[in-house]
Amino acid sequence: MNICNPRRILLVSAPDSSTLDLLKNLTGTAPEPQCDSIAGLSHFWAIETAYYTASVPIWIDEIVDAEAWKNEFLKPEAKEVLEVVGAVVLCFKRAVDEEDLGRIKSTLEAVSTVVRKGCRYGWDGVCLAVSMPQSVTPHLPLEFEEAEELCREAGFEYIEGDAKGRNEFGEPVGIARIKEALQANDWDGGEGEEFLSESLDLGSDDEDEDGGIVPKAEVAQIEREMFGMRDAIYGQRPGQSREDDGQDEELKVEELERLMVKVQVVKDMGADMPETERKKFAAKAINDIMKTL
């Protein structure tokens, strides 16, 4: 079974937490940051099991101030973002000292609160807390059982991202355990409200003109480029002054209008085509639009 509209993975971390290293180890690739921050990046993970296949979108965000991040994600503007999240992965480097451990605890509590209060009632997603190796030595010696209990209290499963093999119970650890936990999750996002798939009448996955599969998840990527997860939540990007807000809003409107015109043109051009041909045409059009974003 192919899941056409999968829920998303929200991957969060403090700055310099080796988050992209974790992502590359998990998916095989990682996006290139456009600036010093990885906040706002997105990625895909192609999951294929004996039961389903899915191209799961991954949203990446950074937590500089845990309390501020929590407050922003609990605003009404973030509701639509959290409603489509199927898993939350918190990445952090192991603590150097007690102060560092305190920051990790605060971040855990903040993310846990967002999941508990912000995600829909009866949310059944996966919460993973993944620790990455600490390059600073000496660092705080924290037993696995202590870290596991700390994360469990916040509703997270603790995983050491660099662990290999299996534990004493024969269970996979490290990246293998992350994959196992995420693959066992329910990713089906239902019909959703995919703006472009409805506008273009794309339907389910189709072949492009070269015979390749064009997943509906790519439509979701366009939506993220259009609206911007962080812009929807924060209102302005980190480092952006309020004086720039008016000009930035004008650019957003112009960009949205430009994309809407393209969508309408594609829709009009495919209106008289047979259904199969229309879907292939729309799929190719989506790929072309993505190249311009």
C-alpha atoms as a PDB file:
ATOM      1  CA  MET A   1       0.000   0.000   0.000  1.00  0.00           C
ATOM      2  CA  ASN A   2       1.278   3.425  -0.928  1.00  0.00           C
ATOM      3  CA  ILE A   3       0.478   6.226   1.537  1.00  0.00           C
ATOM      4  CA  CYS A   4      -0.180   9.238  -0.664  1.00  0.00           C
ATOM      5  CA  ASN A   5      -0.601  11.886   2.030  1.00  0.00           C
ATOM      6  CA  PRO A   6       1.673  10.925   4.931  1.00  0.00           C
ATOM      7  CA  ARG A   7       1.931  12.795   8.185  1.00  0.00           C
ATOM      8  CA  ARG A   8       5.148  14.709   8.837  1.00  0.00           C
ATOM      9  CA  ILE A   9       8.208  14.280  11.016  1.00  0.00           C
ATOM     10  CA  LEU A  10       9.086  17.354  13.078  1.00  0.00           C
ATOM     11  CA  LEU A  11      12.840  17.249  13.736  1.00  0.00           C
ATOM     12  CA  VAL A  12      13.960  19.783  16.338  1.00  0.00           C
ATOM     13  CA  SER A  13      17.255  20.518  18.057  1.00  0.00           C
ATOM     14  CA  ALA A  14      19.402  23.154  19.651  1.00  0.00           C
ATOM     15  CA  PRO A  15      21.989  24.742  17.334  1.00  0.00           C
ATOM     16  CA  ASP A  16      25.111  22.646  16.665  1.00  0.00           C
ATOM     17  CA  SER A  17      23.514  19.354  17.648  1.00  0.00           C
ATOM     18  CA  SER A  18      24.768  17.345  14.632  1.00  0.00           C
ATOM     19  CA  THR A  19      21.156  17.217  13.428  1.00  0.00           C
ATOM     20  CA  LEU A  20      22.015  16.953   9.740  1.00  0.00           C
ATOM     21  CA  ASP A  21      24.447  14.129  10.533  1.00  0.00           C
ATOM     22  CA  LEU A  22      21.590  12.271  12.188  1.00  0.00           C
ATOM     23  CA  LEU A  23      19.340  12.977   9.214  1.00  0.00           C
ATOM     24  CA  LYS A  24      21.933  11.713   6.737  1.00  0.00           C
ATOM     25  CA  ASN A  25      22.464   8.536   8.749  1.00  0.00           C
ATOM     26  CA  LEU A  26      18.700   7.983   8.823  1.00  0.00           C
ATOM     27  CA  THR A  27      17.729   8.817   5.236  1.00  0.00           C
ATOM     28  CA  GLY A  28      21.005   8.591   3.314  1.00  0.00           C
ATOM     29  CA  THR A  29      20.989  12.285   2.410  1.00  0.00           C
ATOM     30  CA  ALA A  30      20.526  15.660   4.087  1.00  0.00           C
ATOM     31  CA  PRO A  31      19.597  19.159   2.849  1.00  0.00           C
ATOM     32  CA  GLU A  32      22.242  21.858   2.527  1.00  0.00           C
ATOM     33  CA  PRO A  33      21.752  24.764   4.971  1.00  0.00           C
ATOM     34  CA  GLN A  34      21.439  28.152   3.286  1.00  0.00           C
ATOM     35  CA  CYS A  35      22.757  30.064   6.313  1.00  0.00           C
ATOM     36  CA  ASP A  36      24.125  29.443   9.802  1.00  0.00           C
ATOM     37  CA  SER A  37      20.778  28.055  10.958  1.00  0.00           C
ATOM     38  CA  ILE A  38      19.106  24.846   9.793  1.00  0.00           C
ATOM     39  CA  ALA A  39      15.698  26.164  10.874  1.00  0.00           C
ATOM     40  CA  GLY A  40      13.141  26.016   8.089  1.00  0.00           C
ATOM     41  CA  LEU A  41      14.842  23.276   6.078  1.00  0.00           C
ATOM     42  CA  SER A  42      12.762  20.360   4.840  1.00  0.00           C
ATOM     43  CA  HIS A  43      13.587  16.877   3.615  1.00  0.00           C
ATOM     44  CA  PHE A  44      12.008  13.564   2.641  1.00  0.00           C
ATOM     45  CA  TRP A  45      12.470  10.027   3.862  1.00  0.00           C
ATOM     46  CA  ALA A  46      11.365   7.235   1.524  1.00  0.00           C
ATOM     47  CA  ILE A  47      10.042   4.429   3.744  1.00  0.00           C
ATOM     48  CA  GLU A  48       9.422   1.022   2.224  1.00  0.00           C
ATOM     49  CA  THR A  49       8.256  -1.890   4.365  1.00  0.00           C
ATOM     50  CA  ALA A  50       6.427  -5.143   3.684  1.00  0.00           C
ATOM     51  CA  TYR A  51       3.170  -3.325   4.503  1.00  0.00           C
ATOM     52  CA  TYR A  52       3.424   0.152   3.002  1.00  0.00           C
ATOM     53  CA  THR A  53       5.532   2.697   1.145  1.00  0.00           C
ATOM     54  CA  ALA A  54       5.585   6.411   1.876  1.00  0.00           C
ATOM     55  CA  SER A  55       7.653   9.496   1.145  1.00  0.00           C
ATOM     56  CA  VAL A  56       7.487  11.156   4.546  1.00  0.00           C
ATOM     57  CA  PRO A  57       8.221  14.912   4.680  1.00  0.00           C
ATOM     58  CA  ILE A  58      10.575  16.065   7.435  1.00  0.00           C
ATOM     59  CA  TRP A  59      10.311  19.574   8.863  1.00  0.00           C
ATOM     60  CA  ILE A  60      13.447  20.857  10.610  1.00  0.00           C
ATOM     61  CA  ASP A  61      13.509  23.533  13.291  1.00  0.00           C
ATOM     62  CA  GLU A  62      16.005  24.863  15.822  1.00  0.00           C
ATOM     63  CA  ILE A  63      15.318  25.647  19.467  1.00  0.00           C
ATOM     64  CA  VAL A  64      17.443  28.497  20.769  1.00  0.00           C
ATOM     65  CA  ASP A  65      15.146  29.421  23.661  1.00  0.00           C
ATOM     66  CA  ALA A  66      12.981  26.500  24.798  1.00  0.00           C
ATOM     67  CA  GLU A  67      10.335  28.618  26.506  1.00  0.00           C
ATOM     68  CA  ALA A  68       9.976  30.999  23.576  1.00  0.00           C
ATOM     69  CA  TRP A  69       9.817  28.093  21.122  1.00  0.00           C
ATOM     70  CA  LYS A  70       7.102  26.413  23.183  1.00  0.00           C
ATOM     71  CA  ASN A  71       5.018  29.595  23.347  1.00  0.00           C
ATOM     72  CA  GLU A  72       5.272  30.138  19.589  1.00  0.00           C
ATOM     73  CA  PHE A  73       4.241  26.558  18.786  1.00  0.00           C
ATOM     74  CA  LEU A  74       1.252  26.768  21.097  1.00  0.00           C
ATOM     75  CA  LYS A  75      -0.140  29.795  19.267  1.00  0.00           C
ATOM     76  CA  PRO A  76      -3.266  29.255  17.122  1.00  0.00           C
ATOM     77  CA  GLU A  77      -1.158  29.873  13.996  1.00  0.00           C
ATOM     78  CA  ALA A  78       0.746  26.651  14.666  1.00  0.00           C
ATOM     79  CA  LYS A  79      -2.347  24.462  14.940  1.00  0.00           C
ATOM     80  CA  GLU A  80      -2.394  23.447  11.278  1.00  0.00           C
ATOM     81  CA  VAL A  81       1.284  22.536  11.436  1.00  0.00           C
ATOM     82  CA  LEU A  82       0.914  20.320  14.490  1.00  0.00           C
ATOM     83  CA  GLU A  83      -2.225  18.633  13.155  1.00  0.00           C
ATOM     84  CA  VAL A  84      -0.242  16.963  10.372  1.00  0.00           C
ATOM     85  CA  VAL A  85       2.741  15.920  12.498  1.00  0.00           C
ATOM     86  CA  GLY A  86       3.038  12.162  12.963  1.00  0.00           C
ATOM     87  CA  ALA A  87       6.357  12.018  14.825  1.00  0.00           C
ATOM     88  CA  VAL A  88       8.579  14.343  16.822  1.00  0.00           C
ATOM     89  CA  VAL A  89      12.323  13.728  16.973  1.00  0.00           C
ATOM     90  CA  LEU A  90      14.394  15.803  19.387  1.00  0.00           C
ATOM     91  CA  CYS A  91      18.132  15.721  18.672  1.00  0.00           C
ATOM     92  CA  PHE A  92      20.706  16.940  21.187  1.00  0.00           C
ATOM     93  CA  LYS A  93      24.372  16.528  22.015  1.00  0.00           C
ATOM     94  CA  ARG A  94      25.174  14.820  25.277  1.00  0.00           C
ATOM     95  CA  ALA A  95      25.603  17.178  28.202  1.00  0.00           C
ATOM     96  CA  VAL A  96      28.982  18.699  28.985  1.00  0.00           C
ATOM     97  CA  ASP A  97      28.049  19.773  32.522  1.00  0.00           C
ATOM     98  CA  GLU A  98      25.064  20.189  34.839  1.00  0.00           C
ATOM     99  CA  GLU A  99      24.114  23.515  33.245  1.00  0.00           C
ATOM    100  CA  ASP A 100      24.051  21.859  29.846  1.00  0.00           C
ATOM    101  CA  LEU A 101      21.940  19.026  31.250  1.00  0.00           C
ATOM    102  CA  GLY A 102      19.510  21.602  32.619  1.00  0.00           C
ATOM    103  CA  ARG A 103      19.071  23.063  29.123  1.00  0.00           C
ATOM    104  CA  ILE A 104      18.369  19.606  27.724  1.00  0.00           C
ATOM    105  CA  LYS A 105      15.749  19.024  30.426  1.00  0.00           C
ATOM    106  CA  SER A 106      14.096  22.382  29.673  1.00  0.00           C
ATOM    107  CA  THR A 107      14.003  21.566  25.961  1.00  0.00           C
ATOM    108  CA  LEU A 108      12.506  18.141  26.629  1.00  0.00           C
ATOM    109  CA  GLU A 109       9.815  19.679  28.807  1.00  0.00           C
ATOM    110  CA  ALA A 110       9.045  22.369  26.208  1.00  0.00           C
ATOM    111  CA  VAL A 111       8.697  19.910  23.318  1.00  0.00           C
ATOM    112  CA  SER A 112       6.698  17.529  25.496  1.00  0.00           C
ATOM    113  CA  THR A 113       4.279  20.340  26.374  1.00  0.00           C
ATOM    114  CA  VAL A 114       3.829  21.224  22.699  1.00  0.00           C
ATOM    115  CA  VAL A 115       3.050  17.602  21.854  1.00  0.00           C
ATOM    116  CA  ARG A 116       0.656  17.226  24.776  1.00  0.00           C
ATOM    117  CA  LYS A 117      -1.209  20.511  24.311  1.00  0.00           C
ATOM    118  CA  GLY A 118      -0.709  21.306  20.650  1.00  0.00           C
ATOM    119  CA  CYS A 119      -1.280  18.011  18.858  1.00  0.00           C
ATOM    120  CA  ARG A 120      -4.829  16.864  18.266  1.00  0.00           C
ATOM    121  CA  TYR A 121      -6.745  14.880  20.886  1.00  0.00           C
ATOM    122  CA  GLY A 122      -5.821  11.212  20.851  1.00  0.00           C
ATOM    123  CA  TRP A 123      -2.561  11.869  18.992  1.00  0.00           C
ATOM    124  CA  ASP A 124      -0.802   8.544  18.495  1.00  0.00           C
ATOM    125  CA  GLY A 125       2.516   9.639  17.015  1.00  0.00           C
ATOM    126  CA  VAL A 126       6.077   8.735  17.958  1.00  0.00           C
ATOM    127  CA  CYS A 127       8.347  10.845  20.191  1.00  0.00           C
ATOM    128  CA  LEU A 128      12.070  10.100  20.084  1.00  0.00           C
ATOM    129  CA  ALA A 129      14.901  11.829  21.955  1.00  0.00           C
ATOM    130  CA  VAL A 130      18.191  11.133  20.186  1.00  0.00           C
ATOM    131  CA  SER A 131      21.526  11.986  21.767  1.00  0.00           C
ATOM    132  CA  MET A 132      24.549  12.610  19.576  1.00  0.00           C
ATOM    133  CA  PRO A 133      28.229  12.273  20.518  1.00  0.00           C
ATOM    134  CA  GLN A 134      29.802  15.173  22.389  1.00  0.00           C
ATOM    135  CA  SER A 135      33.127  16.392  20.984  1.00  0.00           C
ATOM    136  CA  VAL A 136      33.938  18.352  24.143  1.00  0.00           C
ATOM    137  CA  THR A 137      35.912  16.399  26.719  1.00  0.00           C
ATOM    138  CA  PRO A 138      35.500  15.745  29.484  1.00  0.00           C
ATOM    139  CA  HIS A 139      31.705  15.704  29.333  1.00  0.00           C
ATOM    140  CA  LEU A 140      29.096  14.873  31.939  1.00  0.00           C
ATOM    141  CA  PRO A 141      28.981  11.124  32.602  1.00  0.00           C
ATOM    142  CA  LEU A 142      25.296  10.204  32.420  1.00  0.00           C
ATOM    143  CA  GLU A 143      24.307   6.560  32.569  1.00  0.00           C
ATOM    144  CA  PHE A 144      22.004   5.290  29.836  1.00  0.00           C
ATOM    145  CA  GLU A 145      19.367   4.365  32.428  1.00  0.00           C
ATOM    146  CA  GLU A 146      19.378   7.918  33.830  1.00  0.00           C
ATOM    147  CA  ALA A 147      18.969   9.480  30.408  1.00  0.00           C
ATOM    148  CA  GLU A 148      16.298   6.930  29.517  1.00  0.00           C
ATOM    149  CA  GLU A 149      14.292   7.752  32.633  1.00  0.00           C
ATOM    150  CA  LEU A 150      14.659  11.492  32.051  1.00  0.00           C
ATOM    151  CA  CYS A 151      13.261  11.154  28.532  1.00  0.00           C
ATOM    152  CA  ARG A 152      10.555   8.678  29.523  1.00  0.00           C
ATOM    153  CA  GLU A 153       9.163  11.146  32.053  1.00  0.00           C
ATOM    154  CA  ALA A 154       8.734  13.633  29.187  1.00  0.00           C
ATOM    155  CA  GLY A 155       7.056  11.023  26.980  1.00  0.00           C
ATOM    156  CA  PHE A 156      10.061  10.322  24.759  1.00  0.00           C
ATOM    157  CA  GLU A 157      11.962   7.156  23.963  1.00  0.00           C
ATOM    158  CA  TYR A 158      15.683   7.736  24.494  1.00  0.00           C
ATOM    159  CA  ILE A 159      18.071   6.538  21.777  1.00  0.00           C
ATOM    160  CA  GLU A 160      21.823   7.012  21.495  1.00  0.00           C
ATOM    161  CA  GLY A 161      22.267   8.069  17.894  1.00  0.00           C
ATOM    162  CA  ASP A 162      25.759   6.605  17.528  1.00  0.00           C
ATOM    163  CA  ALA A 163      25.026   3.224  19.136  1.00  0.00           C
ATOM    164  CA  LYS A 164      25.593   0.097  17.043  1.00  0.00           C
ATOM    165  CA  GLY A 165      24.320  -3.452  17.069  1.00  0.00           C
ATOM    166  CA  ARG A 166      21.859  -4.678  19.682  1.00  0.00           C
ATOM    167  CA  ASN A 167      21.360  -4.297  23.433  1.00  0.00           C
ATOM    168  CA  GLU A 168      21.332  -7.057  26.036  1.00  0.00           C
ATOM    169  CA  PHE A 169      17.740  -7.866  25.135  1.00  0.00           C
ATOM    170  CA  GLY A 170      18.574  -8.403  21.483  1.00  0.00           C
ATOM    171  CA  GLU A 171      16.840  -5.173  20.421  1.00  0.00           C
ATOM    172  CA  PRO A 172      18.338  -2.877  17.757  1.00  0.00           C
ATOM    173  CA  VAL A 173      19.916   0.367  18.969  1.00  0.00           C
ATOM    174  CA  GLY A 174      21.021   3.612  17.383  1.00  0.00           C
ATOM    175  CA  ILE A 175      19.895   4.446  13.844  1.00  0.00           C
ATOM    176  CA  ALA A 176      18.441   0.952  13.432  1.00  0.00           C
ATOM    177  CA  ARG A 177      16.125   1.549  16.392  1.00  0.00           C
ATOM    178  CA  ILE A 178      15.120   5.002  15.097  1.00  0.00           C
ATOM    179  CA  LYS A 179      14.153   3.438  11.770  1.00  0.00           C
ATOM    180  CA  GLU A 180      12.275   0.625  13.486  1.00  0.00           C
ATOM    181  CA  ALA A 181      10.288   3.010  15.698  1.00  0.00           C
ATOM    182  CA  LEU A 182       9.392   5.352  12.842  1.00  0.00           C
ATOM    183  CA  GLN A 183       8.559   2.581  10.378  1.00  0.00           C
ATOM    184  CA  ALA A 184       6.114   1.114  12.898  1.00  0.00           C
ATOM    185  CA  ASN A 185       4.262   4.429  13.111  1.00  0.00           C
ATOM    186  CA  ASP A 186       0.926   5.126  11.413  1.00  0.00           C
ATOM    187  CA  TRP A 187       1.763   7.671   8.698  1.00  0.00           C
ATOM    188  CA  ASP A 188      -1.582   7.833   6.954  1.00  0.00           C
ATOM    189  CA  GLY A 189      -2.668  11.474   6.980  1.00  0.00           C
ATOM    190  CA  GLY A 190      -6.073  10.782   5.447  1.00  0.00           C
ATOM    191  CA  GLU A 191      -7.394  12.871   2.623  1.00  0.00           C
ATOM    192  CA  GLY A 192      -5.908  16.059   4.051  1.00  0.00           C
ATOM    193  CA  GLU A 193      -6.354  19.437   2.388  1.00  0.00           C
ATOM    194  CA  GLU A 194      -3.742  19.285  -0.339  1.00  0.00           C
ATOM    195  CA  PHE A 195      -4.253  22.601  -2.115  1.00  0.00           C
ATOM    196  CA  LEU A 196      -2.390  21.830  -5.306  1.00  0.00           C
ATOM    197  CA  SER A 197      -3.590  18.244  -5.712  1.00  0.00           C
ATOM    198  CA  GLU A 198      -7.177  19.504  -5.562  1.00  0.00           C
ATOM    199  CA  SER A 199      -6.470  22.462  -7.838  1.00  0.00           C
ATOM    200  CA  LEU A 200      -4.729  20.319 -10.435  1.00  0.00           C
ATOM    201  CA  ASP A 201      -6.861  17.210  -9.883  1.00  0.00           C
ATOM    202  CA  LEU A 202      -3.661  15.211  -9.564  1.00  0.00           C
ATOM    203  CA  GLY A 203      -5.113  12.278  -7.625  1.00  0.00           C
ATOM    204  CA  SER A 204      -2.741   9.540  -6.506  1.00  0.00           C
ATOM    205  CA  ASP A 205       0.870   8.907  -7.553  1.00  0.00           C
ATOM    206  CA  ASP A 206       1.411   8.868 -11.328  1.00  0.00           C
ATOM    207  CA  GLU A 207       4.188   8.415 -13.823  1.00  0.00           C
ATOM    208  CA  ASP A 208       5.798  11.449 -15.347  1.00  0.00           C
ATOM    209  CA  GLU A 209       6.653  11.632 -19.030  1.00  0.00           C
ATOM    210  CA  ASP A 210       9.839   9.638 -18.441  1.00  0.00           C
ATOM    211  CA  GLY A 211       8.004   6.892 -16.600  1.00  0.00           C
ATOM    212  CA  GLY A 212       9.133   8.003 -13.133  1.00  0.00           C
ATOM    213  CA  ILE A 213       6.790   8.146 -10.171  1.00  0.00           C
ATOM    214  CA  VAL A 214       5.729  11.598  -9.002  1.00  0.00           C
ATOM    215  CA  PRO A 215       4.481  11.226  -5.404  1.00  0.00           C
ATOM    216  CA  LYS A 216       1.837  13.489  -3.921  1.00  0.00           C
ATOM    217  CA  ALA A 217       4.350  14.225  -1.161  1.00  0.00           C
ATOM    218  CA  GLU A 218       6.038  16.558  -3.638  1.00  0.00           C
ATOM    219  CA  VAL A 219       2.814  18.565  -3.676  1.00  0.00           C
ATOM    220  CA  ALA A 220       3.211  18.968   0.075  1.00  0.00           C
ATOM    221  CA  GLN A 221       6.715  20.297  -0.527  1.00  0.00           C
ATOM    222  CA  ILE A 222       5.327  23.035  -2.742  1.00  0.00           C
ATOM    223  CA  GLU A 223       2.839  23.915  -0.023  1.00  0.00           C
ATOM    224  CA  ARG A 224       5.661  24.282   2.462  1.00  0.00           C
ATOM    225  CA  GLU A 225       7.565  26.499   0.048  1.00  0.00           C
ATOM    226  CA  MET A 226       4.448  28.586  -0.520  1.00  0.00           C
ATOM    227  CA  PHE A 227       3.409  29.218   3.012  1.00  0.00           C
ATOM    228  CA  GLY A 228       6.566  28.480   5.023  1.00  0.00           C
ATOM    229  CA  MET A 229       6.170  26.555   8.251  1.00  0.00           C
ATOM    230  CA  ARG A 230       8.237  28.986  10.264  1.00  0.00           C
ATOM    231  CA  ASP A 231       6.642  32.081   8.740  1.00  0.00           C
ATOM    232  CA  ALA A 232       3.226  30.725   9.670  1.00  0.00           C
ATOM    233  CA  ILE A 233       4.281  30.254  13.271  1.00  0.00           C
ATOM    234  CA  TYR A 234       6.771  33.009  13.985  1.00  0.00           C
ATOM    235  CA  GLY A 235       5.468  35.720  11.697  1.00  0.00           C
ATOM    236  CA  GLN A 236       9.020  36.793  10.939  1.00  0.00           C
ATOM    237  CA  ARG A 237      12.266  34.940  10.436  1.00  0.00           C
ATOM    238  CA  PRO A 238      15.077  34.942  13.001  1.00  0.00           C
ATOM    239  CA  GLY A 239      17.128  38.107  12.699  1.00  0.00           C
ATOM    240  CA  GLN A 240      14.484  39.914  10.685  1.00  0.00           C
ATOM    241  CA  SER A 241      13.605  43.373  11.964  1.00  0.00           C
ATOM    242  CA  ARG A 242      10.044  44.553  12.302  1.00  0.00           C
ATOM    243  CA  GLU A 243      10.876  47.377   9.879  1.00  0.00           C
ATOM    244  CA  ASP A 244      11.237  44.725   7.172  1.00  0.00           C
ATOM    245  CA  ASP A 245       7.811  43.195   7.858  1.00  0.00           C
ATOM    246  CA  GLY A 246       5.855  45.361   5.420  1.00  0.00           C
ATOM    247  CA  GLN A 247       8.234  44.779   2.535  1.00  0.00           C
ATOM    248  CA  ASP A 248       8.434  41.060   3.339  1.00  0.00           C
ATOM    249  CA  GLU A 249       4.648  40.744   3.357  1.00  0.00           C
ATOM    250  CA  GLU A 250       4.489  42.370  -0.074  1.00  0.00           C
ATOM    251  CA  LEU A 251       7.018  39.861  -1.404  1.00  0.00           C
ATOM    252  CA  LYS A 252       5.021  36.981   0.071  1.00  0.00           C
ATOM    253  CA  VAL A 253       1.840  38.214  -1.588  1.00  0.00           C
ATOM    254  CA  GLU A 254       3.589  38.652  -4.933  1.00  0.00           C
ATOM    255  CA  GLU A 255       5.102  35.169  -4.714  1.00  0.00           C
ATOM    256  CA  LEU A 256       1.772  33.600  -3.814  1.00  0.00           C
ATOM    257  CA  GLU A 257       0.000  35.431  -6.632  1.00  0.00           C
ATOM    258  CA  ARG A 258       2.670  34.292  -9.076  1.00  0.00           C
ATOM    259  CA  LEU A 259       2.256  30.682  -8.022  1.00  0.00           C
ATOM    260  CA  MET A 260      -1.543  30.916  -8.125  1.00  0.00           C
ATOM    261  CA  VAL A 261      -1.370  32.154 -11.717  1.00  0.00           C
ATOM    262  CA  LYS A 262       0.825  29.195 -12.660  1.00  0.00           C
ATOM    263  CA  VAL A 263      -1.568  26.771 -10.997  1.00  0.00           C
ATOM    264  CA  GLN A 264      -4.553  28.249 -12.802  1.00  0.00           C
ATOM    265  CA  VAL A 265      -2.763  28.130 -16.163  1.00  0.00           C
ATOM    266  CA  VAL A 266      -1.934  24.463 -15.656  1.00  0.00           C
ATOM    267  CA  LYS A 267      -5.499  23.721 -14.609  1.00  0.00           C
ATOM    268  CA  ASP A 268      -6.930  25.473 -17.675  1.00  0.00           C
ATOM    269  CA  MET A 269      -4.516  23.733 -20.031  1.00  0.00           C
ATOM    270  CA  GLY A 270      -5.456  20.302 -18.704  1.00  0.00           C
ATOM    271  CA  ALA A 271      -9.205  20.864 -18.482  1.00  0.00           C
ATOM    272  CA  ASP A 272     -10.054  19.147 -21.784  1.00  0.00           C
ATOM    273  CA  MET A 273      -7.594  16.261 -21.461  1.00  0.00           C
ATOM    274  CA  PRO A 274      -8.613  12.688 -20.614  1.00  0.00           C
ATOM    275  CA  GLU A 275      -8.163  11.904 -16.920  1.00  0.00           C
ATOM    276  CA  THR A 276      -5.011   9.779 -17.285  1.00  0.00           C
ATOM    277  CA  GLU A 277      -3.350  12.275 -19.592  1.00  0.00           C
ATOM    278  CA  ARG A 278      -4.398  15.185 -17.349  1.00  0.00           C
ATOM    279  CA  LYS A 279      -2.811  13.574 -14.297  1.00  0.00           C
ATOM    280  CA  LYS A 280       0.480  13.016 -16.113  1.00  0.00           C
ATOM    281  CA  PHE A 281       0.411  16.571 -17.399  1.00  0.00           C
ATOM    282  CA  ALA A 282      -0.277  17.943 -13.909  1.00  0.00           C
ATOM    283  CA  ALA A 283       2.495  15.820 -12.408  1.00  0.00           C
ATOM    284  CA  LYS A 284       5.031  17.190 -14.882  1.00  0.00           C
ATOM    285  CA  ALA A 285       3.760  20.721 -14.232  1.00  0.00           C
ATOM    286  CA  ILE A 286       4.324  20.291 -10.503  1.00  0.00           C
ATOM    287  CA  ASN A 287       7.916  19.252 -11.116  1.00  0.00           C
ATOM    288  CA  ASP A 288       8.426  22.283 -13.356  1.00  0.00           C
ATOM    289  CA  ILE A 289       6.944  24.627 -10.753  1.00  0.00           C
ATOM    290  CA  MET A 290       9.152  23.138  -8.020  1.00  0.00           C
ATOM    291  CA  LYS A 291      12.273  23.972 -10.024  1.00  0.00           C
ATOM    292  CA  THR A 292      11.372  27.665  -9.881  1.00  0.00           C
ATOM    293  CA  LEU A 293      10.850  27.798  -6.093  1.00  0.00           C
END
